[in-house]
N, C-alpha and C. Protein backbone atom coordinates (compact mmCIF):
# COMPACT_ATOMS: atom_id res chain seq x y z
N TYR A 1 33.59 0.86 -12.12
CA TYR A 1 32.76 0.71 -10.86
C TYR A 1 31.36 0.17 -10.64
N ASN A 2 31.18 -0.43 -9.79
CA ASN A 2 29.44 -0.90 -9.92
C ASN A 2 28.74 -0.24 -8.68
N ALA A 3 27.91 0.54 -9.10
CA ALA A 3 27.12 1.18 -8.32
C ALA A 3 25.69 0.48 -7.71
N GLN A 4 25.45 0.48 -6.39
CA GLN A 4 24.43 -0.12 -6.02
C GLN A 4 23.40 0.48 -5.28
N ALA A 5 21.98 0.44 -5.04
CA ALA A 5 21.29 1.23 -4.53
C ALA A 5 19.95 0.32 -3.79
N ALA A 6 19.80 0.56 -2.66
CA ALA A 6 18.31 -0.08 -2.50
C ALA A 6 17.56 0.75 -2.18
N VAL A 7 16.08 0.24 -2.68
CA VAL A 7 15.41 1.59 -2.70
C VAL A 7 14.08 1.27 -2.05
N ASP A 8 13.50 2.14 -1.36
CA ASP A 8 12.12 1.73 -0.48
C ASP A 8 10.96 1.97 -1.45
N ALA A 9 10.06 0.67 -1.81
CA ALA A 9 9.26 0.56 -2.80
C ALA A 9 8.19 1.78 -2.86
N SER A 10 7.76 1.92 -1.38
CA SER A 10 6.87 3.04 -1.57
C SER A 10 6.96 4.26 -2.00
N SER A 11 8.21 4.81 -1.84
CA SER A 11 8.61 6.02 -1.95
C SER A 11 9.67 6.23 -2.92
N GLN A 12 10.52 5.10 -3.51
CA GLN A 12 11.62 5.49 -4.15
C GLN A 12 12.86 6.12 -3.66
N VAL A 13 12.89 6.11 -2.32
CA VAL A 13 13.61 6.98 -1.75
C VAL A 13 15.23 5.96 -1.59
N ILE A 14 16.24 6.41 -1.86
CA ILE A 14 17.33 5.06 -1.42
C ILE A 14 17.42 5.11 -0.03
N VAL A 15 17.53 3.96 0.29
CA VAL A 15 18.05 3.60 1.83
C VAL A 15 19.33 3.39 2.17
N ALA A 16 19.79 2.67 1.11
CA ALA A 16 21.13 2.48 1.28
C ALA A 16 21.92 2.15 0.15
N ALA A 17 23.25 3.08 -0.09
CA ALA A 17 23.71 3.01 -1.48
C ALA A 17 25.49 2.72 -1.23
N ASP A 18 25.79 2.05 -1.96
CA ASP A 18 27.46 1.70 -2.20
C ASP A 18 27.80 1.69 -3.43
N VAL A 19 29.23 1.35 -3.84
CA VAL A 19 30.06 1.28 -4.76
C VAL A 19 30.97 0.50 -4.55
N SER A 20 31.56 -0.79 -5.39
CA SER A 20 32.33 -1.35 -5.20
C SER A 20 33.11 -1.80 -6.94
N ASN A 21 34.56 -2.20 -6.71
CA ASN A 21 35.17 -2.05 -7.67
C ASN A 21 35.25 -3.77 -8.20
N LYS A 22 33.98 -4.29 -8.03
CA LYS A 22 33.85 -6.01 -8.24
C LYS A 22 32.77 -5.72 -9.09
N SER A 23 32.54 -6.28 -10.35
CA SER A 23 31.95 -6.52 -11.18
C SER A 23 30.40 -7.35 -10.87
N VAL A 24 30.88 -8.51 -10.22
CA VAL A 24 29.80 -9.50 -10.11
C VAL A 24 29.06 -9.46 -8.96
N ASP A 25 27.65 -9.13 -9.32
CA ASP A 25 26.43 -8.69 -8.64
C ASP A 25 26.18 -9.39 -7.26
N LYS A 26 26.32 -10.54 -7.51
CA LYS A 26 25.99 -11.91 -6.09
C LYS A 26 26.79 -11.29 -5.02
N ASN A 27 27.94 -10.69 -5.40
CA ASN A 27 28.76 -10.59 -4.14
C ASN A 27 27.88 -9.12 -3.17
N HIS A 28 27.21 -8.76 -3.44
CA HIS A 28 26.88 -7.29 -3.12
C HIS A 28 25.61 -7.48 -2.20
N ILE A 29 25.13 -8.58 -2.44
CA ILE A 29 23.40 -8.67 -1.40
C ILE A 29 23.71 -8.68 -0.09
N LYS A 30 24.66 -9.51 0.66
CA LYS A 30 24.93 -9.45 2.07
C LYS A 30 25.53 -8.02 2.74
N PRO A 31 26.49 -7.52 1.93
CA PRO A 31 26.94 -6.10 2.62
C PRO A 31 25.85 -5.18 2.11
N MET A 32 25.18 -5.27 1.07
CA MET A 32 23.98 -4.20 1.26
C MET A 32 22.72 -4.26 2.23
N ILE A 33 22.33 -5.60 2.39
CA ILE A 33 21.58 -6.18 3.46
C ILE A 33 22.20 -5.50 4.92
N GLY A 34 23.87 -5.67 5.17
CA GLY A 34 24.07 -5.13 6.36
C GLY A 34 24.18 -3.37 6.42
N LYS A 35 24.10 -3.13 5.39
CA LYS A 35 24.19 -1.71 5.32
C LYS A 35 22.79 -1.13 5.67
N ILE A 36 21.58 -1.67 5.36
CA ILE A 36 20.17 -1.20 5.33
C ILE A 36 20.06 -1.74 6.92
N MET A 37 20.33 -2.52 7.15
CA MET A 37 20.51 -3.01 8.56
C MET A 37 21.13 -1.64 9.61
N GLU A 38 22.34 -1.35 9.20
CA GLU A 38 22.88 -0.67 9.91
C GLU A 38 22.48 0.89 10.15
N LEU A 39 21.92 1.56 8.91
CA LEU A 39 21.35 2.73 8.80
C LEU A 39 20.03 2.78 9.19
N THR A 40 18.92 1.82 9.57
CA THR A 40 17.65 1.73 9.69
C THR A 40 17.39 0.90 10.66
N ASP A 41 18.62 0.60 11.33
CA ASP A 41 17.66 -0.62 12.53
C ASP A 41 16.86 -1.54 12.45
N GLU A 42 16.62 -2.07 10.90
CA GLU A 42 15.45 -3.09 10.84
C GLU A 42 15.95 -4.03 9.68
N VAL A 43 15.61 -5.25 9.72
CA VAL A 43 15.92 -6.04 8.77
C VAL A 43 14.89 -5.87 7.53
N PRO A 44 15.11 -5.65 6.40
CA PRO A 44 14.27 -5.73 5.36
C PRO A 44 13.25 -6.73 5.13
N LYS A 45 11.86 -6.71 4.93
CA LYS A 45 11.07 -7.74 4.95
C LYS A 45 11.27 -8.25 3.73
N GLU A 46 11.37 -7.87 3.07
CA GLU A 46 11.73 -8.33 1.46
C GLU A 46 13.10 -7.90 0.61
N VAL A 47 13.52 -8.48 -0.32
CA VAL A 47 14.46 -8.19 -1.45
C VAL A 47 14.00 -8.58 -2.76
N SER A 48 13.81 -7.76 -3.74
CA SER A 48 13.88 -8.11 -5.07
C SER A 48 15.22 -7.61 -5.87
N ALA A 49 15.85 -8.82 -6.55
CA ALA A 49 16.82 -8.15 -7.50
C ALA A 49 16.86 -8.76 -8.74
N ASP A 50 17.54 -8.58 -9.94
CA ASP A 50 17.89 -9.24 -11.11
C ASP A 50 18.55 -10.31 -10.58
N ALA A 51 18.78 -11.25 -11.89
CA ALA A 51 19.22 -12.37 -12.02
C ALA A 51 20.92 -12.23 -11.55
N GLY A 52 21.54 -11.25 -12.00
CA GLY A 52 22.87 -10.88 -11.32
C GLY A 52 23.60 -11.24 -9.94
N TYR A 53 22.30 -10.88 -9.04
CA TYR A 53 22.42 -11.25 -7.59
C TYR A 53 21.94 -12.65 -6.84
N PHE A 54 21.34 -13.27 -8.03
CA PHE A 54 21.20 -14.75 -7.78
C PHE A 54 22.47 -15.79 -7.35
N SER A 55 22.52 -16.25 -6.32
CA SER A 55 23.03 -17.49 -5.77
C SER A 55 22.55 -18.43 -4.78
N SER A 56 22.47 -19.74 -4.91
CA SER A 56 21.89 -20.21 -3.76
C SER A 56 22.19 -20.22 -2.44
N GLU A 57 23.43 -19.54 -2.32
CA GLU A 57 23.98 -19.06 -1.14
C GLU A 57 23.39 -17.80 -0.75
N ASN A 58 23.28 -16.79 -1.38
CA ASN A 58 22.43 -15.91 -1.15
C ASN A 58 20.73 -15.92 -0.87
N VAL A 59 20.33 -16.63 -1.13
CA VAL A 59 18.99 -16.79 -0.87
C VAL A 59 18.74 -17.81 0.33
N GLU A 60 19.76 -18.46 0.32
CA GLU A 60 19.53 -19.39 1.66
C GLU A 60 20.14 -18.50 3.09
N TRP A 61 21.04 -17.46 2.68
CA TRP A 61 21.59 -16.46 3.78
C TRP A 61 20.31 -15.60 4.04
N LEU A 62 19.83 -15.14 2.73
CA LEU A 62 18.46 -14.11 3.14
C LEU A 62 17.31 -15.05 4.21
N LYS A 63 17.10 -16.09 3.72
CA LYS A 63 16.49 -16.98 4.58
C LYS A 63 16.37 -17.06 6.03
N ASP A 64 17.78 -17.22 6.31
CA ASP A 64 18.43 -17.04 7.79
C ASP A 64 18.08 -16.00 8.32
N GLN A 65 18.07 -14.47 7.70
CA GLN A 65 17.80 -13.38 8.36
C GLN A 65 16.32 -13.30 8.21
N GLU A 66 15.77 -14.09 7.54
CA GLU A 66 14.41 -13.70 7.83
C GLU A 66 13.43 -12.62 6.44
N VAL A 67 14.63 -12.75 5.39
CA VAL A 67 14.51 -12.05 4.54
C VAL A 67 13.66 -12.50 3.29
N GLU A 68 12.39 -12.19 2.91
CA GLU A 68 12.03 -13.01 1.44
C GLU A 68 12.61 -12.64 0.46
N ALA A 69 13.19 -13.39 -0.23
CA ALA A 69 14.11 -13.25 -1.56
C ALA A 69 13.20 -13.39 -2.99
N PHE A 70 13.06 -12.44 -3.46
CA PHE A 70 12.57 -12.54 -4.75
C PHE A 70 13.65 -12.07 -6.01
N ILE A 71 14.56 -13.11 -6.01
CA ILE A 71 15.80 -13.19 -7.09
C ILE A 71 15.66 -13.99 -8.39
N ALA A 72 16.00 -13.29 -9.32
CA ALA A 72 15.52 -14.36 -10.82
C ALA A 72 16.75 -15.03 -10.87
N PRO A 73 16.48 -16.40 -10.94
CA PRO A 73 17.79 -17.26 -11.33
C PRO A 73 18.00 -17.08 -12.53
N ASP A 74 17.27 -16.82 -13.28
CA ASP A 74 17.73 -16.71 -14.77
C ASP A 74 17.66 -15.10 -15.87
N LYS A 75 18.45 -14.54 -16.44
CA LYS A 75 17.99 -13.53 -16.89
C LYS A 75 16.46 -13.57 -17.66
N GLN A 76 16.00 -12.39 -17.54
CA GLN A 76 14.56 -12.54 -17.92
C GLN A 76 14.44 -12.00 -19.58
N LYS A 77 13.48 -12.53 -20.30
CA LYS A 77 13.60 -11.88 -21.57
C LYS A 77 12.61 -10.75 -21.63
N HIS A 78 12.65 -9.95 -22.01
CA HIS A 78 11.71 -8.59 -22.35
C HIS A 78 10.45 -9.26 -23.21
N ASN A 79 9.27 -8.54 -22.72
CA ASN A 79 7.68 -8.96 -23.15
C ASN A 79 7.68 -10.64 -23.27
N LYS A 80 8.40 -11.48 -22.62
CA LYS A 80 8.05 -12.92 -22.65
C LYS A 80 7.09 -12.95 -21.22
N LYS A 81 6.05 -13.36 -21.94
CA LYS A 81 5.10 -13.83 -20.48
C LYS A 81 5.45 -15.01 -20.01
N ALA A 82 5.54 -15.01 -18.48
CA ALA A 82 5.78 -16.06 -17.89
C ALA A 82 4.67 -17.35 -17.74
N GLU A 83 5.25 -18.32 -17.89
CA GLU A 83 3.91 -19.16 -17.86
C GLU A 83 3.59 -19.50 -15.95
N MET A 84 2.35 -20.14 -16.05
CA MET A 84 1.97 -19.98 -14.31
C MET A 84 2.82 -21.00 -13.77
N ALA A 85 2.78 -20.86 -12.56
CA ALA A 85 3.32 -22.28 -11.81
C ALA A 85 2.12 -23.23 -11.45
N PRO A 86 2.64 -24.21 -11.41
CA PRO A 86 1.78 -25.18 -10.70
C PRO A 86 0.91 -24.83 -9.69
N ARG A 87 -0.01 -25.26 -9.45
CA ARG A 87 -0.71 -25.15 -8.16
C ARG A 87 -0.20 -25.98 -6.93
N GLY A 88 -0.73 -25.48 -5.91
CA GLY A 88 -0.24 -25.97 -4.70
C GLY A 88 1.20 -25.44 -3.95
N ARG A 89 1.51 -26.04 -2.63
CA ARG A 89 2.59 -25.64 -2.22
C ARG A 89 3.92 -25.86 -2.94
N ILE A 90 5.19 -25.26 -2.87
CA ILE A 90 6.29 -25.73 -3.65
C ILE A 90 7.03 -26.57 -2.67
N PRO A 91 7.23 -27.78 -3.45
CA PRO A 91 7.76 -28.70 -2.87
C PRO A 91 9.13 -28.67 -2.23
N CYS A 92 9.41 -28.98 -1.05
CA CYS A 92 10.90 -28.79 -0.08
C CYS A 92 11.89 -29.54 -1.15
N SER A 93 11.42 -30.63 -1.90
CA SER A 93 12.43 -31.35 -2.40
C SER A 93 13.17 -30.71 -3.91
N LEU A 94 12.70 -29.54 -4.28
CA LEU A 94 13.34 -28.63 -5.10
C LEU A 94 14.66 -28.04 -4.84
N SER A 95 15.51 -27.99 -5.75
CA SER A 95 16.41 -27.56 -5.34
C SER A 95 16.33 -25.97 -4.90
N VAL A 96 17.19 -25.17 -4.62
CA VAL A 96 17.10 -23.53 -4.50
C VAL A 96 16.86 -22.70 -5.45
N ILE A 97 17.69 -23.25 -6.80
CA ILE A 97 17.23 -22.32 -7.87
C ILE A 97 16.04 -22.74 -8.29
N ASP A 98 15.37 -24.05 -8.18
CA ASP A 98 13.96 -24.35 -8.65
C ASP A 98 12.84 -23.69 -7.96
N ARG A 99 13.06 -23.92 -7.20
CA ARG A 99 12.12 -23.38 -5.63
C ARG A 99 11.84 -21.63 -6.31
N MET A 100 13.15 -21.13 -6.36
CA MET A 100 12.95 -19.75 -6.80
C MET A 100 12.25 -19.23 -8.22
N ARG A 101 12.52 -20.27 -9.30
CA ARG A 101 11.92 -20.52 -10.40
C ARG A 101 10.58 -20.60 -10.14
N ARG A 102 9.96 -21.35 -9.46
CA ARG A 102 8.71 -21.88 -9.09
C ARG A 102 7.86 -20.44 -8.25
N LYS A 103 8.66 -20.06 -7.51
CA LYS A 103 7.93 -19.05 -6.60
C LYS A 103 7.89 -17.75 -7.47
N LEU A 104 8.74 -17.16 -8.56
CA LEU A 104 8.24 -16.28 -9.22
C LEU A 104 7.44 -16.62 -10.46
N ARG A 105 7.07 -17.70 -10.57
CA ARG A 105 5.92 -18.06 -11.48
C ARG A 105 4.48 -17.90 -10.80
N THR A 106 4.39 -17.86 -9.55
CA THR A 106 3.46 -17.79 -8.72
C THR A 106 2.95 -15.93 -9.09
N LYS A 107 1.47 -15.96 -9.01
CA LYS A 107 0.86 -14.68 -8.79
C LYS A 107 1.65 -13.57 -7.94
N GLN A 108 1.64 -14.14 -6.54
CA GLN A 108 2.17 -13.02 -5.63
C GLN A 108 3.89 -13.19 -6.01
N GLY A 109 4.30 -14.11 -6.39
CA GLY A 109 6.13 -13.98 -6.75
C GLY A 109 6.35 -13.05 -7.61
N GLY A 110 5.63 -13.34 -9.08
CA GLY A 110 5.21 -12.38 -10.03
C GLY A 110 5.17 -10.95 -9.92
N ARG A 111 4.07 -10.80 -9.25
CA ARG A 111 3.43 -9.21 -8.67
C ARG A 111 5.01 -8.44 -8.04
N LYS A 112 5.35 -9.30 -6.83
CA LYS A 112 6.61 -8.86 -6.16
C LYS A 112 7.73 -8.50 -6.89
N TYR A 113 8.08 -9.45 -7.59
CA TYR A 113 9.22 -9.29 -8.47
C TYR A 113 9.18 -8.24 -9.53
N LYS A 114 7.87 -7.96 -9.92
CA LYS A 114 7.69 -6.86 -11.01
C LYS A 114 7.87 -5.60 -10.24
N LEU A 115 8.03 -5.47 -9.05
CA LEU A 115 7.92 -4.16 -8.10
C LEU A 115 9.18 -3.26 -8.21
N ARG A 116 10.25 -4.42 -8.78
CA ARG A 116 11.61 -3.94 -9.37
C ARG A 116 11.35 -3.03 -10.27
N LYS A 117 10.69 -3.21 -11.43
CA LYS A 117 10.66 -2.39 -12.32
C LYS A 117 10.10 -1.33 -12.12
N GLN A 118 9.38 -1.15 -11.08
CA GLN A 118 8.57 0.37 -10.40
C GLN A 118 9.90 0.79 -9.36
N THR A 119 10.44 0.25 -8.91
CA THR A 119 11.52 0.50 -7.55
C THR A 119 12.61 1.01 -8.06
N VAL A 120 13.43 0.15 -8.37
CA VAL A 120 14.73 0.22 -8.71
C VAL A 120 15.30 0.81 -9.99
N GLU A 121 14.50 0.36 -10.86
CA GLU A 121 15.11 0.52 -12.51
C GLU A 121 14.64 2.42 -12.56
N PRO A 122 13.35 2.93 -12.11
CA PRO A 122 13.37 3.85 -12.57
C PRO A 122 14.01 4.81 -11.44
N VAL A 123 14.80 4.45 -10.26
CA VAL A 123 15.43 5.46 -9.70
C VAL A 123 16.63 5.69 -10.29
N PHE A 124 17.08 4.48 -11.04
CA PHE A 124 18.24 4.44 -11.88
C PHE A 124 18.44 5.38 -13.38
N GLY A 125 17.01 5.22 -13.93
CA GLY A 125 17.02 6.10 -15.09
C GLY A 125 16.43 7.57 -14.38
N GLN A 126 16.01 7.76 -13.40
CA GLN A 126 16.07 9.33 -12.95
C GLN A 126 17.44 10.17 -12.85
N ILE A 127 18.46 9.00 -12.41
CA ILE A 127 19.74 9.95 -11.99
C ILE A 127 20.24 9.66 -13.26
N LYS A 128 20.17 8.79 -14.35
CA LYS A 128 20.67 8.83 -15.53
C LYS A 128 20.14 9.88 -16.63
N GLY A 129 19.14 10.06 -16.53
CA GLY A 129 18.18 10.43 -17.61
C GLY A 129 18.10 11.93 -16.98
N ALA A 130 17.14 12.25 -15.74
CA ALA A 130 16.62 13.26 -15.67
C ALA A 130 18.14 14.19 -14.99
N ARG A 131 18.60 13.53 -14.38
CA ARG A 131 20.02 14.33 -13.60
C ARG A 131 21.06 14.31 -14.59
N GLY A 132 21.13 13.38 -15.20
CA GLY A 132 22.29 13.62 -16.53
C GLY A 132 23.58 12.89 -16.00
N PHE A 133 23.56 12.07 -14.92
CA PHE A 133 24.69 11.15 -14.25
C PHE A 133 24.76 10.16 -15.46
N ARG A 134 25.92 10.30 -16.20
CA ARG A 134 26.44 8.77 -17.16
C ARG A 134 27.73 8.08 -16.17
N GLN A 135 28.50 9.05 -15.82
CA GLN A 135 29.44 8.32 -15.45
C GLN A 135 30.16 8.73 -14.34
N PHE A 136 31.10 8.28 -13.35
CA PHE A 136 31.90 9.05 -12.27
C PHE A 136 33.06 9.66 -13.04
N LEU A 137 33.02 10.93 -11.90
CA LEU A 137 33.78 12.03 -12.87
C LEU A 137 35.19 12.03 -11.85
N LEU A 138 35.20 11.23 -10.70
CA LEU A 138 36.43 11.25 -10.06
C LEU A 138 36.81 9.84 -9.86
N ARG A 139 38.49 9.49 -9.55
CA ARG A 139 38.82 8.39 -9.67
C ARG A 139 39.37 7.94 -8.61
N GLY A 140 39.31 6.78 -8.16
CA GLY A 140 39.66 5.85 -6.92
C GLY A 140 38.30 5.80 -6.16
N LEU A 141 38.49 4.43 -5.38
CA LEU A 141 37.45 3.76 -5.02
C LEU A 141 36.62 5.00 -3.98
N GLU A 142 37.22 5.37 -2.83
CA GLU A 142 36.73 6.07 -1.87
C GLU A 142 36.15 7.47 -2.57
N LYS A 143 36.88 8.34 -3.40
CA LYS A 143 36.32 8.99 -4.19
C LYS A 143 35.04 9.10 -4.64
N VAL A 144 34.67 7.85 -5.22
CA VAL A 144 33.61 7.42 -6.36
C VAL A 144 32.61 7.01 -5.19
N LYS A 145 32.85 6.59 -4.04
CA LYS A 145 31.77 6.38 -3.01
C LYS A 145 31.20 7.60 -2.73
N GLY A 146 31.90 8.68 -2.63
CA GLY A 146 31.73 9.67 -2.15
C GLY A 146 30.66 10.54 -3.09
N GLU A 147 31.21 10.38 -4.11
CA GLU A 147 30.57 10.73 -5.48
C GLU A 147 29.15 10.12 -5.67
N TRP A 148 28.72 8.86 -5.59
CA TRP A 148 27.62 8.09 -5.64
C TRP A 148 26.79 8.70 -4.08
N SER A 149 27.36 8.68 -3.18
CA SER A 149 26.58 8.82 -1.77
C SER A 149 25.94 10.38 -2.22
N LEU A 150 26.79 11.44 -2.46
CA LEU A 150 26.72 12.87 -3.14
C LEU A 150 25.02 12.38 -4.07
N ILE A 151 25.18 12.02 -5.24
CA ILE A 151 23.97 11.67 -6.34
C ILE A 151 23.09 11.07 -5.64
N CYS A 152 23.22 10.04 -4.79
CA CYS A 152 21.90 9.55 -3.80
C CYS A 152 21.11 10.27 -3.17
N THR A 153 21.89 11.25 -2.40
CA THR A 153 21.37 12.05 -1.33
C THR A 153 20.42 13.28 -2.30
N ALA A 154 21.42 13.95 -3.28
CA ALA A 154 20.30 14.79 -4.22
C ALA A 154 19.27 14.02 -4.42
N HIS A 155 19.45 12.80 -5.07
CA HIS A 155 17.75 12.08 -5.39
C HIS A 155 16.97 12.04 -4.78
N ASN A 156 17.32 11.79 -3.14
CA ASN A 156 16.37 11.73 -2.09
C ASN A 156 15.94 12.99 -1.92
N LEU A 157 16.56 14.06 -1.74
CA LEU A 157 16.16 15.17 -1.52
C LEU A 157 15.11 16.05 -2.37
N LEU A 158 15.19 15.53 -3.86
CA LEU A 158 14.01 15.89 -4.50
C LEU A 158 13.16 14.91 -4.62
N LYS A 159 13.29 13.79 -4.20
CA LYS A 159 11.95 12.99 -3.79
C LYS A 159 11.23 13.50 -2.13
N LEU A 160 11.90 13.83 -1.45
CA LEU A 160 11.55 14.37 -0.32
C LEU A 160 10.64 15.51 -0.47
N TYR A 161 11.16 16.24 -1.49
CA TYR A 161 10.64 18.03 -1.93
C TYR A 161 9.51 17.53 -2.90
N SER A 162 9.42 16.53 -3.67
CA SER A 162 8.36 16.34 -4.46
C SER A 162 6.98 16.03 -3.92
N ALA A 163 7.47 14.92 -2.54
CA ALA A 163 6.60 14.69 -1.99
C ALA A 163 5.59 15.52 -0.69
N GLY A 164 6.29 16.31 -1.00
CA GLY A 164 5.92 17.90 0.00
C GLY A 164 6.30 17.61 1.24
N PHE A 165 7.68 17.01 1.82
CA PHE A 165 8.13 17.44 2.76
C PHE A 165 9.23 18.82 3.09
N THR A 166 8.77 18.95 3.85
CA THR A 166 9.50 20.60 4.64
C THR A 166 9.74 20.57 5.76
N VAL A 167 11.07 20.88 6.18
CA VAL A 167 11.69 21.15 7.42
C VAL A 167 11.24 22.87 7.80
N SER A 168 10.91 22.81 8.93
CA SER A 168 10.71 24.66 9.43
C SER A 168 11.90 24.76 10.22
N ALA A 169 12.28 26.17 9.70
CA ALA A 169 13.42 26.51 10.61
C ALA A 169 13.23 27.14 12.03
N ARG A 170 14.02 27.17 12.83
CA ARG A 170 14.17 27.25 14.04
C ARG A 170 14.57 28.65 14.65
N SER A 171 13.90 29.52 15.38
CA SER A 171 14.88 30.59 15.67
C SER A 171 15.65 30.94 16.77
């Protein structure tokens, strides 16, 4: 199963989560954005995702939804310093993949893409490491979706508690 989570960059709270039995990540962008819009009544301003989610179709679709995409078109090598982008506007004549490569080489694009490492990756690390979740215990897509939803809810409750969020009881 392929578990996904959309995470708010400022709080590391999971905004939307889903599980699929399809292994190809690029098929998950549209449903996840739809889920975010359904749950929050808002279109996200930006999306940052790794190379598995890249496709020209996804980038164009996000642009049509007025969501700024920061999706690596190529797998990133660890500890490899990215070369700087040429100065000036990104030429419209470049293909979608070349435009994204250039965008991610800009200071702003690189900074926005790196946020992924501080946003989504730590959440999955906390779920795996601190909470000990390494595999689904249930079988069947619907049961696994329920299990993932419970795990994400527990993560969010712990984040909210750590941030000092409390609920007062009414009498």
